[in-house]
Amino acid sequence: MKQKRQRGRWDSFTDWARTQAGVILMPIARVMARLGIHPNTVTLVGFLLQVGVGVVFGLGHLVLGGWLLLVVAPVDALDGALARALDQKSLFGAFLDSTFDRLSDAALILGITVHYLRQGEHLEVVLLLISLVAALMVSYTRARAEALGFPCRVGLLTRLERIALIAALSAVGLPIVMIWALAVLSVFTVVQRILYVYAVSRREEADS
């Protein structure tokens, strides 16, 4: 089953952002390709940078961590652009990128959780743990749906939006707003994808 998309339309903000970012990232990727840098190396570096931001969050520097995340987050998209520039897209590369994305998400959210745990702020800790589980489920629902043959790119808070939310609201000193928004919107996105797959699967079964 192939997902149909009309020209000029995107399924999510992520699709639109990746399209726009490609204009900037492809020239950088071509330079990296000439330097002989492998896409998987960029994937690993992007992961380590976000782990570093998670450590900064854990030390209580939320504003600094937010600004650092705004700086390092684009590296996460460079591996795909580099793979296209080198024409080296691979199944393992896609698997590695997805795996490190999940680990990066965990590092960032757990870093913030450690900070609030040290402060004794139990409500924020609970909300962050809910956010972590929901973030992983957002990824899982898409992977499971697509394994069953149902494209599932819908969702209000996919990974790009989640990173942007954490970075922007932390950077401007609104961590509590960020935590609540992250928890509520992450859970909403899981429910959104479940309902979407339910509707699509029922329609598929009715047509068969």
C-alpha atoms as a PDB file:
ATOM      1  CA  MET A   1       0.000   0.000   0.000  1.00  0.00           C
ATOM      2  CA  LYS A   2       1.425   3.362  -1.008  1.00  0.00           C
ATOM      3  CA  GLN A   3       0.546   6.617   0.636  1.00  0.00           C
ATOM      4  CA  LYS A   4      -0.878   9.128  -1.814  1.00  0.00           C
ATOM      5  CA  ARG A   5       0.277  12.698  -1.558  1.00  0.00           C
ATOM      6  CA  GLN A   6      -0.678  15.569  -3.801  1.00  0.00           C
ATOM      7  CA  ARG A   7       2.039  17.853  -5.038  1.00  0.00           C
ATOM      8  CA  GLY A   8       2.562  20.756  -2.669  1.00  0.00           C
ATOM      9  CA  ARG A   9       0.848  19.006   0.227  1.00  0.00           C
ATOM     10  CA  TRP A  10       2.438  17.431   3.289  1.00  0.00           C
ATOM     11  CA  ASP A  11       1.129  15.004   5.887  1.00  0.00           C
ATOM     12  CA  SER A  12       2.754  16.851   8.774  1.00  0.00           C
ATOM     13  CA  PHE A  13       4.896  19.801   9.742  1.00  0.00           C
ATOM     14  CA  THR A  14       7.832  17.375   9.678  1.00  0.00           C
ATOM     15  CA  ASP A  15       7.374  16.702   5.954  1.00  0.00           C
ATOM     16  CA  TRP A  16       7.192  20.423   5.209  1.00  0.00           C
ATOM     17  CA  ALA A  17      10.223  21.241   7.384  1.00  0.00           C
ATOM     18  CA  ARG A  18      12.353  18.490   5.854  1.00  0.00           C
ATOM     19  CA  THR A  19      11.508  19.743   2.375  1.00  0.00           C
ATOM     20  CA  GLN A  20      12.489  23.309   3.271  1.00  0.00           C
ATOM     21  CA  ALA A  21      15.596  22.237   5.200  1.00  0.00           C
ATOM     22  CA  GLY A  22      16.808  20.238   2.226  1.00  0.00           C
ATOM     23  CA  VAL A  23      17.534  23.498   0.398  1.00  0.00           C
ATOM     24  CA  ILE A  24      20.067  24.396   3.118  1.00  0.00           C
ATOM     25  CA  LEU A  25      21.319  20.949   4.066  1.00  0.00           C
ATOM     26  CA  MET A  26      22.074  19.520   0.623  1.00  0.00           C
ATOM     27  CA  PRO A  27      24.953  21.946  -0.135  1.00  0.00           C
ATOM     28  CA  ILE A  28      26.455  21.122   3.287  1.00  0.00           C
ATOM     29  CA  ALA A  29      25.941  17.419   2.632  1.00  0.00           C
ATOM     30  CA  ARG A  30      27.738  17.660  -0.719  1.00  0.00           C
ATOM     31  CA  VAL A  31      30.758  19.235   0.981  1.00  0.00           C
ATOM     32  CA  MET A  32      30.743  16.458   3.581  1.00  0.00           C
ATOM     33  CA  ALA A  33      30.487  13.884   0.797  1.00  0.00           C
ATOM     34  CA  ARG A  34      33.607  15.307  -0.852  1.00  0.00           C
ATOM     35  CA  LEU A  35      35.380  15.038   2.503  1.00  0.00           C
ATOM     36  CA  GLY A  36      34.542  11.339   2.648  1.00  0.00           C
ATOM     37  CA  ILE A  37      32.319  11.524   5.737  1.00  0.00           C
ATOM     38  CA  HIS A  38      29.978   8.542   6.104  1.00  0.00           C
ATOM     39  CA  PRO A  39      26.263   9.113   6.878  1.00  0.00           C
ATOM     40  CA  ASN A  40      26.387   6.705   9.831  1.00  0.00           C
ATOM     41  CA  THR A  41      29.176   8.798  11.344  1.00  0.00           C
ATOM     42  CA  VAL A  42      26.931  11.856  11.186  1.00  0.00           C
ATOM     43  CA  THR A  43      24.130   9.836  12.810  1.00  0.00           C
ATOM     44  CA  LEU A  44      26.427   8.910  15.697  1.00  0.00           C
ATOM     45  CA  VAL A  45      27.730  12.463  16.117  1.00  0.00           C
ATOM     46  CA  GLY A  46      24.189  13.864  16.144  1.00  0.00           C
ATOM     47  CA  PHE A  47      23.224  11.347  18.812  1.00  0.00           C
ATOM     48  CA  LEU A  48      26.238  12.181  21.002  1.00  0.00           C
ATOM     49  CA  LEU A  49      25.539  15.911  20.696  1.00  0.00           C
ATOM     50  CA  GLN A  50      21.968  15.441  21.891  1.00  0.00           C
ATOM     51  CA  VAL A  51      23.151  13.232  24.750  1.00  0.00           C
ATOM     52  CA  GLY A  52      25.444  16.123  25.683  1.00  0.00           C
ATOM     53  CA  VAL A  53      22.448  18.461  25.702  1.00  0.00           C
ATOM     54  CA  GLY A  54      20.651  15.954  27.931  1.00  0.00           C
ATOM     55  CA  VAL A  55      23.555  16.153  30.387  1.00  0.00           C
ATOM     56  CA  VAL A  56      23.328  19.960  30.349  1.00  0.00           C
ATOM     57  CA  PHE A  57      19.610  19.678  31.124  1.00  0.00           C
ATOM     58  CA  GLY A  58      20.350  17.228  33.927  1.00  0.00           C
ATOM     59  CA  LEU A  59      22.758  19.703  35.498  1.00  0.00           C
ATOM     60  CA  GLY A  60      19.920  22.219  35.690  1.00  0.00           C
ATOM     61  CA  HIS A  61      20.944  24.536  32.839  1.00  0.00           C
ATOM     62  CA  LEU A  62      17.597  24.417  31.050  1.00  0.00           C
ATOM     63  CA  VAL A  63      17.892  27.704  29.150  1.00  0.00           C
ATOM     64  CA  LEU A  64      21.417  26.890  27.977  1.00  0.00           C
ATOM     65  CA  GLY A  65      20.295  23.391  27.049  1.00  0.00           C
ATOM     66  CA  GLY A  66      17.449  24.804  24.994  1.00  0.00           C
ATOM     67  CA  TRP A  67      19.766  27.041  22.999  1.00  0.00           C
ATOM     68  CA  LEU A  68      22.272  24.235  22.517  1.00  0.00           C
ATOM     69  CA  LEU A  69      19.507  21.962  21.265  1.00  0.00           C
ATOM     70  CA  LEU A  70      18.450  24.593  18.732  1.00  0.00           C
ATOM     71  CA  VAL A  71      22.037  24.590  17.457  1.00  0.00           C
ATOM     72  CA  VAL A  72      22.703  20.835  17.357  1.00  0.00           C
ATOM     73  CA  ALA A  73      19.261  19.574  16.274  1.00  0.00           C
ATOM     74  CA  PRO A  74      19.851  20.249  12.541  1.00  0.00           C
ATOM     75  CA  VAL A  75      22.719  17.740  12.608  1.00  0.00           C
ATOM     76  CA  ASP A  76      20.030  15.087  13.014  1.00  0.00           C
ATOM     77  CA  ALA A  77      18.829  15.753   9.468  1.00  0.00           C
ATOM     78  CA  LEU A  78      22.281  15.850   7.890  1.00  0.00           C
ATOM     79  CA  ASP A  79      22.760  12.076   7.793  1.00  0.00           C
ATOM     80  CA  GLY A  80      19.803  11.608   5.463  1.00  0.00           C
ATOM     81  CA  ALA A  81      20.906  14.485   3.236  1.00  0.00           C
ATOM     82  CA  LEU A  82      24.441  13.066   3.123  1.00  0.00           C
ATOM     83  CA  ALA A  83      23.133   9.599   2.248  1.00  0.00           C
ATOM     84  CA  ARG A  84      21.208  11.106  -0.659  1.00  0.00           C
ATOM     85  CA  ALA A  85      24.219  13.131  -1.792  1.00  0.00           C
ATOM     86  CA  LEU A  86      26.360   9.978  -1.795  1.00  0.00           C
ATOM     87  CA  ASP A  87      23.524   7.804  -3.114  1.00  0.00           C
ATOM     88  CA  GLN A  88      24.241   5.515  -0.155  1.00  0.00           C
ATOM     89  CA  LYS A  89      20.799   5.124   1.376  1.00  0.00           C
ATOM     90  CA  SER A  90      20.678   1.773   3.145  1.00  0.00           C
ATOM     91  CA  LEU A  91      18.296  -0.255   5.271  1.00  0.00           C
ATOM     92  CA  PHE A  92      20.841  -0.421   8.083  1.00  0.00           C
ATOM     93  CA  GLY A  93      21.402   3.335   7.926  1.00  0.00           C
ATOM     94  CA  ALA A  94      17.659   3.932   8.262  1.00  0.00           C
ATOM     95  CA  PHE A  95      17.491   1.460  11.159  1.00  0.00           C
ATOM     96  CA  LEU A  96      20.471   3.070  12.904  1.00  0.00           C
ATOM     97  CA  ASP A  97      19.049   6.562  12.467  1.00  0.00           C
ATOM     98  CA  SER A  98      15.674   5.538  13.896  1.00  0.00           C
ATOM     99  CA  THR A  99      17.307   3.748  16.831  1.00  0.00           C
ATOM    100  CA  PHE A 100      19.512   6.708  17.743  1.00  0.00           C
ATOM    101  CA  ASP A 101      16.516   9.050  17.381  1.00  0.00           C
ATOM    102  CA  ARG A 102      14.714   7.099  20.105  1.00  0.00           C
ATOM    103  CA  LEU A 103      17.810   7.110  22.317  1.00  0.00           C
ATOM    104  CA  SER A 104      18.266  10.856  21.758  1.00  0.00           C
ATOM    105  CA  ASP A 105      14.662  11.506  22.771  1.00  0.00           C
ATOM    106  CA  ALA A 106      15.203   9.472  25.932  1.00  0.00           C
ATOM    107  CA  ALA A 107      18.452  11.296  26.744  1.00  0.00           C
ATOM    108  CA  LEU A 108      16.826  14.722  26.443  1.00  0.00           C
ATOM    109  CA  ILE A 109      13.695  13.927  28.431  1.00  0.00           C
ATOM    110  CA  LEU A 110      15.571  11.953  31.081  1.00  0.00           C
ATOM    111  CA  GLY A 111      18.049  14.816  31.436  1.00  0.00           C
ATOM    112  CA  ILE A 112      15.227  17.217  32.251  1.00  0.00           C
ATOM    113  CA  THR A 113      13.682  14.577  34.523  1.00  0.00           C
ATOM    114  CA  VAL A 114      16.926  14.253  36.492  1.00  0.00           C
ATOM    115  CA  HIS A 115      16.940  18.011  37.090  1.00  0.00           C
ATOM    116  CA  TYR A 116      13.392  18.038  38.473  1.00  0.00           C
ATOM    117  CA  LEU A 117      14.022  14.875  40.465  1.00  0.00           C
ATOM    118  CA  ARG A 118      16.951  16.627  42.161  1.00  0.00           C
ATOM    119  CA  GLN A 119      14.649  19.571  42.879  1.00  0.00           C
ATOM    120  CA  GLY A 120      12.026  17.283  44.426  1.00  0.00           C
ATOM    121  CA  GLU A 121       9.378  18.403  41.917  1.00  0.00           C
ATOM    122  CA  HIS A 122       7.376  15.178  41.719  1.00  0.00           C
ATOM    123  CA  LEU A 123       4.562  16.405  39.454  1.00  0.00           C
ATOM    124  CA  GLU A 124       7.040  17.514  36.795  1.00  0.00           C
ATOM    125  CA  VAL A 125       8.853  14.172  37.079  1.00  0.00           C
ATOM    126  CA  VAL A 126       5.603  12.262  36.518  1.00  0.00           C
ATOM    127  CA  LEU A 127       4.694  14.448  33.531  1.00  0.00           C
ATOM    128  CA  LEU A 128       8.134  13.945  32.010  1.00  0.00           C
ATOM    129  CA  LEU A 129       7.952  10.180  32.437  1.00  0.00           C
ATOM    130  CA  ILE A 130       4.533  10.223  30.762  1.00  0.00           C
ATOM    131  CA  SER A 131       6.104  12.269  27.962  1.00  0.00           C
ATOM    132  CA  LEU A 132       8.922   9.761  27.567  1.00  0.00           C
ATOM    133  CA  VAL A 133       6.594   6.775  27.303  1.00  0.00           C
ATOM    134  CA  ALA A 134       4.271   8.653  24.949  1.00  0.00           C
ATOM    135  CA  ALA A 135       7.183   9.789  22.761  1.00  0.00           C
ATOM    136  CA  LEU A 136       8.306   6.185  22.351  1.00  0.00           C
ATOM    137  CA  MET A 137       4.722   5.123  21.625  1.00  0.00           C
ATOM    138  CA  VAL A 138       4.388   7.803  18.943  1.00  0.00           C
ATOM    139  CA  SER A 139       7.259   6.099  17.150  1.00  0.00           C
ATOM    140  CA  TYR A 140       5.992   2.587  17.853  1.00  0.00           C
ATOM    141  CA  THR A 141       2.457   3.249  16.589  1.00  0.00           C
ATOM    142  CA  ARG A 142       3.828   4.439  13.270  1.00  0.00           C
ATOM    143  CA  ALA A 143       6.266   1.534  12.951  1.00  0.00           C
ATOM    144  CA  ARG A 144       3.610  -1.038  13.840  1.00  0.00           C
ATOM    145  CA  ALA A 145       1.021   0.514  11.540  1.00  0.00           C
ATOM    146  CA  GLU A 146       3.435   0.574   8.621  1.00  0.00           C
ATOM    147  CA  ALA A 147       4.442  -3.031   9.327  1.00  0.00           C
ATOM    148  CA  LEU A 148       0.750  -3.880   8.866  1.00  0.00           C
ATOM    149  CA  GLY A 149       0.664  -1.951   5.601  1.00  0.00           C
ATOM    150  CA  PHE A 150      -0.928   1.293   6.795  1.00  0.00           C
ATOM    151  CA  PRO A 151       1.130   4.465   6.207  1.00  0.00           C
ATOM    152  CA  CYS A 152       0.969   6.496   9.423  1.00  0.00           C
ATOM    153  CA  ARG A 153       2.676   9.859   9.110  1.00  0.00           C
ATOM    154  CA  VAL A 154      -0.151  11.785  10.751  1.00  0.00           C
ATOM    155  CA  GLY A 155       0.342  13.302  14.170  1.00  0.00           C
ATOM    156  CA  LEU A 156       0.367  16.672  15.889  1.00  0.00           C
ATOM    157  CA  LEU A 157       3.633  16.156  17.779  1.00  0.00           C
ATOM    158  CA  THR A 158       6.040  14.009  15.785  1.00  0.00           C
ATOM    159  CA  ARG A 159       9.756  14.008  16.561  1.00  0.00           C
ATOM    160  CA  LEU A 160      10.663  17.277  14.846  1.00  0.00           C
ATOM    161  CA  GLU A 161       7.863  19.162  16.572  1.00  0.00           C
ATOM    162  CA  ARG A 162       8.822  17.547  19.893  1.00  0.00           C
ATOM    163  CA  ILE A 163      12.466  18.637  19.597  1.00  0.00           C
ATOM    164  CA  ALA A 164      11.388  22.139  18.543  1.00  0.00           C
ATOM    165  CA  LEU A 165       9.018  22.365  21.515  1.00  0.00           C
ATOM    166  CA  ILE A 166      11.653  21.261  24.027  1.00  0.00           C
ATOM    167  CA  ALA A 167      14.318  23.536  22.562  1.00  0.00           C
ATOM    168  CA  ALA A 168      12.246  26.682  22.064  1.00  0.00           C
ATOM    169  CA  LEU A 169      10.355  26.727  25.366  1.00  0.00           C
ATOM    170  CA  SER A 170      13.458  25.782  27.357  1.00  0.00           C
ATOM    171  CA  ALA A 171      15.498  28.476  25.616  1.00  0.00           C
ATOM    172  CA  VAL A 172      13.002  31.216  26.487  1.00  0.00           C
ATOM    173  CA  GLY A 173      12.736  30.103  30.113  1.00  0.00           C
ATOM    174  CA  LEU A 174       9.329  28.419  30.043  1.00  0.00           C
ATOM    175  CA  PRO A 175      10.178  24.869  31.168  1.00  0.00           C
ATOM    176  CA  ILE A 176       6.899  24.261  33.018  1.00  0.00           C
ATOM    177  CA  VAL A 177       4.887  25.212  29.935  1.00  0.00           C
ATOM    178  CA  MET A 178       7.154  22.927  27.915  1.00  0.00           C
ATOM    179  CA  ILE A 179       6.635  19.986  30.289  1.00  0.00           C
ATOM    180  CA  TRP A 180       2.852  20.259  30.283  1.00  0.00           C
ATOM    181  CA  ALA A 181       2.681  20.791  26.515  1.00  0.00           C
ATOM    182  CA  LEU A 182       5.042  17.884  25.914  1.00  0.00           C
ATOM    183  CA  ALA A 183       2.997  15.494  28.061  1.00  0.00           C
ATOM    184  CA  VAL A 184      -0.425  16.508  26.768  1.00  0.00           C
ATOM    185  CA  LEU A 185       0.502  16.735  23.085  1.00  0.00           C
ATOM    186  CA  SER A 186       2.533  13.513  23.114  1.00  0.00           C
ATOM    187  CA  VAL A 187      -0.371  11.542  24.574  1.00  0.00           C
ATOM    188  CA  PHE A 188      -2.741  13.268  22.138  1.00  0.00           C
ATOM    189  CA  THR A 189      -0.553  12.206  19.212  1.00  0.00           C
ATOM    190  CA  VAL A 190      -0.558   8.572  20.334  1.00  0.00           C
ATOM    191  CA  VAL A 191      -4.365   8.619  20.530  1.00  0.00           C
ATOM    192  CA  GLN A 192      -4.514  10.429  17.184  1.00  0.00           C
ATOM    193  CA  ARG A 193      -2.485   7.702  15.486  1.00  0.00           C
ATOM    194  CA  ILE A 194      -4.472   4.901  17.105  1.00  0.00           C
ATOM    195  CA  LEU A 195      -7.733   6.430  15.877  1.00  0.00           C
ATOM    196  CA  TYR A 196      -6.245   7.017  12.431  1.00  0.00           C
ATOM    197  CA  VAL A 197      -5.130   3.399  12.053  1.00  0.00           C
ATOM    198  CA  TYR A 198      -8.491   2.214  13.380  1.00  0.00           C
ATOM    199  CA  ALA A 199     -10.330   4.251  10.747  1.00  0.00           C
ATOM    200  CA  VAL A 200      -8.018   3.210   7.914  1.00  0.00           C
ATOM    201  CA  SER A 201      -8.077  -0.464   8.877  1.00  0.00           C
ATOM    202  CA  ARG A 202     -11.870  -0.505   9.129  1.00  0.00           C
ATOM    203  CA  ARG A 203     -12.139   1.143   5.725  1.00  0.00           C
ATOM    204  CA  GLU A 204      -9.666  -1.353   4.278  1.00  0.00           C
ATOM    205  CA  GLU A 205     -11.602  -4.286   5.713  1.00  0.00           C
ATOM    206  CA  ALA A 206     -14.896  -2.884   4.416  1.00  0.00           C
ATOM    207  CA  ASP A 207     -13.465  -2.535   0.901  1.00  0.00           C
ATOM    208  CA  SER A 208     -12.024  -6.057   0.833  1.00  0.00           C
END
